[in-house]
C-alpha cells in the first residue's frame, strides 16, 4: 500500500508546481516576445528590401533613359564629325570605354564645343596670297576683255551704240578688281575659310594694279 503523504510534503509539491508553472509562463511569454520581435524584424527587413528594389528599379530606368539620350546625341555628333571630315567610310560611333568615369553630359558638351570650333571657317593662310593676287589679275583681265569687246561692238555698229558701249566698256573695266573677288570666294570656300579683309584687300589691290596697267598700256 502507498504511504500516506504528509501535509508538509503536499504543500512543498504545490509550491514546486506553482514555481514550475510560473517559470513556464515566464518562458512562454519570453518566447512570444522573442517571436514578435523576430517577426517585426523580418517585416522591417522585407520592407527595406522592397524599398531597395524600388530604388534600384528607378535607378535602372533613369540609367537606361540616360544611356538612350547619350547614344542618340553621340550618333548626332558622330554624323557631324563625318560631315566635317567629308568622308562616309567611317562606321558608326565608337562604343563605351570600359572603366570610363565622369558625367557623360559634360563630355558630350565638350565634344559639341570642339566640333563647333572645328566647323567654324578660319582665315586664309598667307601661303595662298599669290593665288589671291592671281584672282585679282584674272578679274581685271576678264573685265578688260569684256570692255574691249564692247568698244569693238560700238565701233562696228555705230550710231548710239558707238557712244554708249565705250562708256559701258569703261565701267566694266573699272569693275575688274571687284570681279576678282568671285574666284577668290570660291577658293576660300574650298579651303573652308573666310574671305576676310586681308585676302579681299590683296585681290582688290592686284586687280586695281592690273587694271591701271591695262588702261595705261592700251593703245
Protein backbone atom coordinates (compact mmCIF):
# COMPACT_ATOMS: atom_id res chain seq x y z
CA UNK A 1 0.00 0.00 0.00
CA UNK A 2 1.09 3.59 -0.74
CA UNK A 3 2.39 5.50 2.11
CA UNK A 4 0.26 8.49 3.06
CA UNK A 5 1.58 11.90 2.01
CA UNK A 6 2.14 14.28 4.83
CA UNK A 7 0.74 17.75 4.71
CA UNK A 8 4.21 19.24 4.62
CA UNK A 9 5.21 17.16 1.57
CA UNK A 10 1.96 18.08 -0.20
CA UNK A 11 2.48 21.75 0.44
CA UNK A 12 6.03 21.50 -0.90
CA UNK A 13 4.78 19.83 -4.03
CA UNK A 14 2.16 22.52 -4.58
CA UNK A 15 4.76 25.23 -4.14
CA UNK A 16 7.03 23.37 -6.55
CA UNK A 17 4.22 23.08 -9.07
CA UNK A 18 3.41 26.76 -8.72
CA UNK A 19 7.05 27.69 -9.27
CA UNK A 20 7.26 25.50 -12.35
CA UNK A 21 4.00 26.91 -13.68
CA UNK A 22 5.28 30.48 -13.14
CA UNK A 23 8.60 29.64 -14.77
CA UNK A 24 6.85 28.04 -17.77
CA UNK A 25 4.58 31.07 -18.08
CA UNK A 26 7.59 33.41 -17.99
CA UNK A 27 9.43 31.33 -20.58
CA UNK A 28 6.32 31.20 -22.74
CA UNK A 29 5.95 34.99 -22.50
CA UNK A 30 9.62 35.40 -23.29
CA UNK A 31 9.23 33.10 -26.29
CA UNK A 32 6.22 35.08 -27.52
CA UNK A 33 8.13 38.32 -27.09
CA UNK A 34 11.14 36.96 -28.98
CA UNK A 35 8.86 35.64 -31.71
CA UNK A 36 7.12 39.01 -32.07
CA UNK A 37 10.48 40.77 -32.21
CA UNK A 38 11.73 38.39 -34.87
CA UNK A 39 8.55 38.84 -36.91
CA UNK A 40 8.83 42.63 -36.63
CA UNK A 41 12.49 42.49 -37.66
CA UNK A 42 11.61 40.23 -40.57
CA UNK A 43 8.85 42.62 -41.68
CA UNK A 44 11.26 45.56 -41.47
CA UNK A 45 13.85 43.64 -43.46
CA UNK A 46 11.26 42.79 -46.13
CA UNK A 47 10.10 46.42 -46.27
CA UNK A 48 13.72 47.62 -46.56
CA UNK A 49 14.38 45.07 -49.27
CA UNK A 50 11.29 46.13 -51.20
CA UNK A 51 12.32 49.79 -50.89
CA UNK A 52 15.81 48.94 -52.16
CA UNK A 53 14.30 47.04 -55.08
CA UNK A 54 12.09 50.01 -55.94
CA UNK A 55 15.05 52.39 -55.75
CA UNK A 56 17.12 50.05 -57.89
CA UNK A 57 14.31 49.87 -60.46
CA UNK A 58 14.08 53.68 -60.56
CA UNK A 59 17.86 53.99 -60.86
CA UNK A 60 17.87 51.40 -63.64
CA UNK A 61 15.12 53.21 -65.53
CA UNK A 62 16.98 56.53 -65.17
CA UNK A 63 20.24 54.89 -66.29
CA UNK A 64 18.54 53.42 -69.37
CA UNK A 65 17.00 56.77 -70.23
CA UNK A 66 20.37 58.48 -69.83
CA UNK A 67 22.02 55.82 -71.96
CA UNK A 68 19.45 56.31 -74.72
CA UNK A 69 19.98 60.07 -74.67
CA UNK A 70 23.75 59.72 -74.69
CA UNK A 71 23.66 57.19 -77.53
CA UNK A 72 21.35 59.42 -79.59
CA UNK A 73 23.48 62.52 -79.06
CA UNK A 74 26.68 60.59 -79.70
CA UNK A 75 25.23 59.42 -83.03
CA UNK A 76 24.35 63.00 -83.99
CA UNK A 77 27.82 64.27 -83.04
CA UNK A 78 29.42 61.40 -84.94
CA UNK A 79 27.44 62.33 -88.05
CA UNK A 80 28.58 65.95 -87.69
CA UNK A 81 32.17 64.75 -87.43
CA UNK A 82 31.76 62.65 -90.57
CA UNK A 83 30.38 65.70 -92.35
CA UNK A 84 33.35 67.81 -91.27
CA UNK A 85 35.77 65.12 -92.38
CA UNK A 86 34.00 64.84 -95.71
CA UNK A 87 34.05 61.07 -95.73
CA UNK A 88 31.47 58.32 -95.47
CA UNK A 89 33.93 55.50 -94.89
CA UNK A 90 33.86 55.92 -91.13
CA UNK A 91 31.49 53.46 -89.49
CA UNK A 92 29.21 54.03 -86.54
CA UNK A 93 30.15 55.86 -83.36
CA UNK A 94 32.55 54.06 -81.00
CA UNK A 95 31.12 52.12 -78.10
CA UNK A 96 31.58 52.89 -74.43
CA UNK A 97 35.07 52.58 -73.00
CA UNK A 98 35.47 50.14 -70.14
CA UNK A 99 36.29 51.87 -66.88
CA UNK A 100 35.41 55.33 -68.19
CA UNK A 101 34.29 57.78 -65.50
CA UNK A 102 32.72 61.19 -65.49
CA UNK A 103 29.42 62.82 -66.31
CA UNK A 104 28.53 61.98 -69.92
CA UNK A 105 26.67 65.28 -70.33
CA UNK A 106 29.88 67.18 -69.56
CA UNK A 107 31.86 65.05 -72.01
CA UNK A 108 29.23 65.50 -74.73
CA UNK A 109 29.20 69.26 -74.15
CA UNK A 110 32.98 69.31 -74.60
CA UNK A 111 32.63 67.37 -77.87
CA UNK A 112 29.93 69.76 -79.10
CA UNK A 113 32.15 72.74 -78.33
CA UNK A 114 35.09 71.14 -80.09
CA UNK A 115 33.02 70.36 -83.19
CA UNK A 116 31.62 73.90 -83.21
CA UNK A 117 35.12 75.38 -83.07
CA UNK A 118 36.37 72.92 -85.68
CA UNK A 119 33.47 73.64 -88.01
CA UNK A 120 33.97 77.41 -87.95
CA UNK A 121 35.81 78.68 -91.04
CA UNK A 122 39.18 80.25 -90.34
CA UNK A 123 41.31 82.84 -92.06
CA UNK A 124 43.03 82.05 -95.34
CA UNK A 125 46.75 81.36 -94.74
CA UNK A 126 49.44 83.59 -96.16
CA UNK A 127 50.57 80.83 -98.50
CA UNK A 128 47.57 81.50 -100.79
CA UNK A 129 48.40 85.20 -101.26
CA UNK A 130 49.82 84.58 -104.77
CA UNK A 131 46.59 82.81 -105.74
CA UNK A 132 44.58 85.72 -104.37
CA UNK A 133 46.64 88.17 -106.37
CA UNK A 134 46.15 85.99 -109.44
CA UNK A 135 42.38 86.11 -108.85
CA UNK A 136 42.55 89.91 -108.86
CA UNK A 137 44.60 89.96 -112.06
CA UNK A 138 42.27 87.44 -113.70
CA UNK A 139 39.24 89.54 -112.80
CA UNK A 140 40.88 92.62 -114.25
CA UNK A 141 41.78 90.76 -117.45
CA UNK A 142 38.27 89.39 -117.89
CA UNK A 143 36.71 92.80 -117.29
CA UNK A 144 39.16 94.46 -119.68
CA UNK A 145 38.43 91.84 -122.34
CA UNK A 146 34.69 92.45 -121.97
CA UNK A 147 35.26 96.18 -122.16
CA UNK A 148 37.37 95.76 -125.29
CA UNK A 149 34.65 93.63 -126.87
CA UNK A 150 32.05 96.28 -126.01
CA UNK A 151 34.14 99.06 -127.58
CA UNK A 152 34.69 96.96 -130.70
CA UNK A 153 30.96 96.33 -130.97
CA UNK A 154 30.31 100.06 -130.65
CA UNK A 155 32.81 100.82 -133.41
CA UNK A 156 31.25 98.13 -135.60
CA UNK A 157 27.58 99.07 -135.28
CA UNK A 158 27.99 102.84 -134.91
CA UNK A 159 25.10 105.12 -134.04
CA UNK A 160 24.02 105.26 -130.43
CA UNK A 161 25.97 102.09 -129.67
CA UNK A 162 29.16 103.85 -130.70
CA UNK A 163 28.51 106.32 -127.87
CA UNK A 164 27.01 104.08 -125.19
CA UNK A 165 29.13 100.96 -125.48
CA UNK A 166 32.50 102.69 -124.84
CA UNK A 167 31.05 104.15 -121.62
CA UNK A 168 29.78 100.71 -120.64
CA UNK A 169 33.18 99.25 -121.53
CA UNK A 170 34.91 101.72 -119.21
CA UNK A 171 32.53 100.88 -116.35
CA UNK A 172 33.06 97.14 -116.85
CA UNK A 173 36.83 97.62 -116.95
CA UNK A 174 36.82 99.62 -113.73
CA UNK A 175 34.82 96.86 -112.06
CA UNK A 176 37.59 94.38 -112.88
CA UNK A 177 39.15 94.43 -109.37
CA UNK A 178 35.77 93.53 -107.87
CA UNK A 179 35.33 90.68 -110.34
CA UNK A 180 38.41 89.04 -108.87
CA UNK A 181 36.54 88.56 -105.60
CA UNK A 182 34.36 85.88 -107.21
CA UNK A 183 37.11 83.29 -107.81
CA UNK A 184 38.73 84.31 -104.53
CA UNK A 185 35.48 83.47 -102.72
CA UNK A 186 35.39 80.08 -104.46
CA UNK A 187 38.97 79.46 -103.32
CA UNK A 188 38.10 80.37 -99.74
CA UNK A 189 35.04 78.10 -99.73
CA UNK A 190 37.06 75.14 -100.96
CA UNK A 191 39.52 75.68 -98.15
CA UNK A 192 36.68 76.12 -95.65
CA UNK A 193 37.92 79.60 -94.80
CA UNK A 194 36.65 83.16 -94.71
CA UNK A 195 37.44 85.74 -97.33
CA UNK A 196 38.36 88.34 -94.73
CA UNK A 197 39.61 91.91 -95.11
CA UNK A 198 43.24 90.92 -95.72
CA UNK A 199 42.57 88.44 -98.56
CA UNK A 200 39.98 90.77 -100.10
CA UNK A 201 42.46 93.66 -99.99
CA UNK A 202 45.08 91.55 -101.79
CA UNK A 203 42.59 90.70 -104.53
CA UNK A 204 41.44 94.29 -104.94
CA UNK A 205 44.94 95.76 -104.95
CA UNK A 206 46.18 93.22 -107.50
CA UNK A 207 43.11 93.79 -109.68
CA UNK A 208 43.45 97.56 -109.42
CA UNK A 209 47.15 97.46 -110.36
CA UNK A 210 46.38 95.17 -113.30
CA UNK A 211 43.52 97.43 -114.43
CA UNK A 212 45.71 100.54 -114.25
CA UNK A 213 48.46 98.81 -116.25
CA UNK A 214 46.00 97.62 -118.88
CA UNK A 215 44.49 101.09 -119.29
CA UNK A 216 47.92 102.68 -119.35
CA UNK A 217 49.39 100.27 -121.87
CA UNK A 218 46.28 100.13 -124.06
CA UNK A 219 46.75 101.81 -127.47
